[in-house]
């Protein structure tokens, strides 16, 4: 009877652990500018939002045909922001990112966008003082509901159950 109960408990712990490991990989949920978008005004930052929290070792590059554009990268929770210091010239750009997700998996990806600002806008920008663009706030409603300590806690419980089972069945044998 005790073997059956312990076997069922062990099976239930494994089954409950599977869904959290299946959904643990980070995916790109949204990007500003979006893939294939044509930007017609000054772009101050590239913002990438992922499905899970990302680690601080994550990186992003913005490149055009000739060079890599310098960025000031900041990472907060599931969002990586690359602040652009100088206005981008008209042309095609690619965004390449490499993130480390909450599950420690490395995810790489890239996409392209185009900058096509009218020449008059460049003249007006030099004459007028520009207003600061506010960056999108992280959307907390899309945060995963699985706490980060769930997997280690489950593994710890599994080890405790195994040790208890060993001593219980060892005495009776």
Protein backbone atom coordinates (compact mmCIF):
# COMPACT_ATOMS: atom_id res chain seq x y z
CA UNK A 1 0.00 0.00 0.00
CA UNK A 2 2.77 2.43 0.95
CA UNK A 3 4.66 1.64 -2.26
CA UNK A 4 1.58 2.48 -4.30
CA UNK A 5 0.99 5.77 -2.49
CA UNK A 6 4.62 6.81 -2.86
CA UNK A 7 4.62 5.83 -6.53
CA UNK A 8 1.50 7.90 -7.14
CA UNK A 9 3.03 10.89 -5.31
CA UNK A 10 6.19 10.60 -7.36
CA UNK A 11 4.20 10.38 -10.60
CA UNK A 12 2.10 13.43 -9.67
CA UNK A 13 5.20 15.48 -8.89
CA UNK A 14 6.70 14.63 -12.29
CA UNK A 15 3.45 15.42 -14.11
CA UNK A 16 3.11 18.81 -12.40
CA UNK A 17 6.72 19.67 -13.26
CA UNK A 18 6.32 19.02 -17.01
CA UNK A 19 4.08 22.01 -17.91
CA UNK A 20 6.44 24.55 -16.36
CA UNK A 21 9.41 23.18 -18.28
CA UNK A 22 7.48 23.10 -21.56
CA UNK A 23 6.48 26.79 -21.43
CA UNK A 24 9.78 28.00 -20.00
CA UNK A 25 11.46 29.06 -23.27
CA UNK A 26 11.46 32.77 -23.98
CA UNK A 27 9.97 33.99 -27.24
CA UNK A 28 9.91 37.47 -28.72
CA UNK A 29 6.38 38.76 -28.04
CA UNK A 30 6.67 42.25 -29.50
CA UNK A 31 9.20 44.67 -30.93
CA UNK A 32 9.32 48.41 -31.51
CA UNK A 33 9.85 48.98 -34.39
CA UNK A 34 8.12 45.82 -35.57
CA UNK A 35 9.49 43.43 -38.17
CA UNK A 36 9.12 44.91 -41.66
CA UNK A 37 7.92 48.27 -40.30
CA UNK A 38 8.83 51.50 -42.07
CA UNK A 39 9.78 54.17 -39.54
CA UNK A 40 8.98 57.71 -40.73
CA UNK A 41 10.00 59.70 -37.65
CA UNK A 42 13.07 59.76 -35.43
CA UNK A 43 13.61 56.47 -33.63
CA UNK A 44 15.03 56.88 -30.14
CA UNK A 45 15.07 53.24 -29.04
CA UNK A 46 14.54 49.66 -30.12
CA UNK A 47 12.41 47.82 -27.54
CA UNK A 48 12.11 44.02 -27.48
CA UNK A 49 9.59 42.34 -25.17
CA UNK A 50 9.90 38.61 -24.43
CA UNK A 51 7.51 36.04 -22.97
CA UNK A 52 9.64 35.44 -19.85
CA UNK A 53 12.19 37.31 -17.80
CA UNK A 54 15.57 37.64 -19.51
CA UNK A 55 19.02 37.70 -17.94
CA UNK A 56 21.35 40.71 -17.88
CA UNK A 57 23.89 38.98 -20.17
CA UNK A 58 21.46 39.30 -23.09
CA UNK A 59 22.53 41.49 -26.01
CA UNK A 60 21.17 43.31 -29.06
CA UNK A 61 22.77 44.84 -32.16
CA UNK A 62 21.28 47.20 -34.74
CA UNK A 63 23.08 47.24 -38.09
CA UNK A 64 22.64 48.90 -41.45
CA UNK A 65 24.47 47.97 -44.64
CA UNK A 66 27.67 49.77 -43.61
CA UNK A 67 28.02 49.66 -39.83
CA UNK A 68 26.76 48.66 -36.42
CA UNK A 69 24.78 51.39 -34.66
CA UNK A 70 25.95 52.06 -31.07
CA UNK A 71 23.25 51.33 -28.48
CA UNK A 72 22.86 51.83 -24.75
CA UNK A 73 21.32 48.52 -23.67
CA UNK A 74 19.13 48.24 -20.60
CA UNK A 75 17.30 45.13 -19.43
CA UNK A 76 14.37 45.13 -17.08
CA UNK A 77 12.42 41.96 -16.37
CA UNK A 78 11.23 40.69 -19.79
CA UNK A 79 12.13 43.81 -21.79
CA UNK A 80 15.39 44.80 -23.49
CA UNK A 81 15.78 48.39 -24.66
CA UNK A 82 18.52 49.68 -26.94
CA UNK A 83 18.65 53.49 -26.75
CA UNK A 84 19.87 55.11 -29.98
CA UNK A 85 21.95 58.25 -29.41
CA UNK A 86 22.15 59.62 -32.98
CA UNK A 87 19.33 59.80 -35.54
CA UNK A 88 19.28 56.88 -37.96
CA UNK A 89 19.83 57.66 -41.63
CA UNK A 90 17.29 56.45 -44.18
CA UNK A 91 17.84 52.83 -45.16
CA UNK A 92 17.37 49.21 -44.15
CA UNK A 93 18.35 48.04 -40.66
CA UNK A 94 18.56 44.66 -38.99
CA UNK A 95 18.09 43.93 -35.29
CA UNK A 96 19.99 40.92 -33.98
CA UNK A 97 19.38 39.73 -30.44
CA UNK A 98 20.79 37.01 -28.24
CA UNK A 99 19.03 36.48 -24.93
CA UNK A 100 19.35 34.15 -22.01
CA UNK A 101 15.87 33.26 -20.82
CA UNK A 102 14.65 32.46 -17.33
CA UNK A 103 15.28 28.77 -18.07
CA UNK A 104 18.96 29.51 -18.97
CA UNK A 105 18.42 28.65 -22.64
CA UNK A 106 20.08 30.91 -25.21
CA UNK A 107 17.65 32.24 -27.80
CA UNK A 108 18.89 34.07 -30.89
CA UNK A 109 16.89 35.91 -33.50
CA UNK A 110 16.82 38.80 -35.91
CA UNK A 111 14.45 40.91 -37.96
CA UNK A 112 14.59 43.94 -40.24
CA UNK A 113 12.95 47.34 -40.46
CA UNK A 114 13.32 50.40 -42.69
CA UNK A 115 13.87 54.06 -41.86
CA UNK A 116 12.34 56.43 -44.44
CA UNK A 117 12.10 59.89 -42.96
CA UNK A 118 11.25 62.88 -45.15
CA UNK A 119 14.10 65.34 -45.66
CA UNK A 120 11.99 68.23 -44.32
CA UNK A 121 11.66 66.40 -41.01
CA UNK A 122 15.45 66.37 -40.61
CA UNK A 123 15.62 70.16 -41.10
CA UNK A 124 12.80 70.75 -38.60
CA UNK A 125 14.51 68.53 -36.05
CA UNK A 126 17.62 70.69 -36.11
CA UNK A 127 15.59 73.88 -35.63
CA UNK A 128 13.16 72.70 -32.96
CA UNK A 129 13.85 71.14 -29.60
CA UNK A 130 12.55 67.57 -29.68
CA UNK A 131 10.20 66.15 -27.07
CA UNK A 132 11.29 63.06 -25.20
CA UNK A 133 9.64 59.88 -26.34
CA UNK A 134 8.45 57.73 -23.46
CA UNK A 135 9.40 54.08 -23.66
CA UNK A 136 6.65 51.50 -23.25
CA UNK A 137 6.25 50.20 -19.73
CA UNK A 138 6.54 46.45 -19.19
CA UNK A 139 3.11 44.84 -19.36
CA UNK A 140 2.79 42.96 -16.08
CA UNK A 141 -0.43 41.24 -17.14
CA UNK A 142 1.57 39.12 -19.61
CA UNK A 143 4.07 37.97 -17.00
CA UNK A 144 4.20 34.22 -16.52
CA UNK A 145 2.43 33.06 -13.40
CA UNK A 146 5.00 30.32 -12.64
CA UNK A 147 7.38 31.41 -9.89
CA UNK A 148 11.08 30.95 -10.59
CA UNK A 149 11.57 28.73 -7.56
CA UNK A 150 9.01 26.10 -8.65
CA UNK A 151 11.46 23.71 -10.37
CA UNK A 152 14.11 23.69 -7.58
CA UNK A 153 11.38 23.26 -4.95
CA UNK A 154 9.90 20.31 -6.85
CA UNK A 155 13.31 18.68 -7.25
CA UNK A 156 14.00 19.19 -3.54
CA UNK A 157 10.67 17.61 -2.60
CA UNK A 158 11.40 14.71 -4.94
CA UNK A 159 14.75 14.12 -3.21
CA UNK A 160 13.13 14.24 0.24
CA UNK A 161 10.45 11.73 -0.85
CA UNK A 162 13.14 9.43 -2.27
CA UNK A 163 15.18 9.56 0.96
CA UNK A 164 12.13 8.90 3.14
CA UNK A 165 11.08 6.04 0.85
CA UNK A 166 14.55 4.52 1.09
CA UNK A 167 14.53 4.47 4.88
CA UNK A 168 10.91 3.29 5.15
CA UNK A 169 11.40 0.35 2.81
CA UNK A 170 14.89 -0.46 4.12
CA UNK A 171 13.65 -1.11 7.68
CA UNK A 172 10.90 -3.50 6.58
CA UNK A 173 13.04 -5.60 4.24
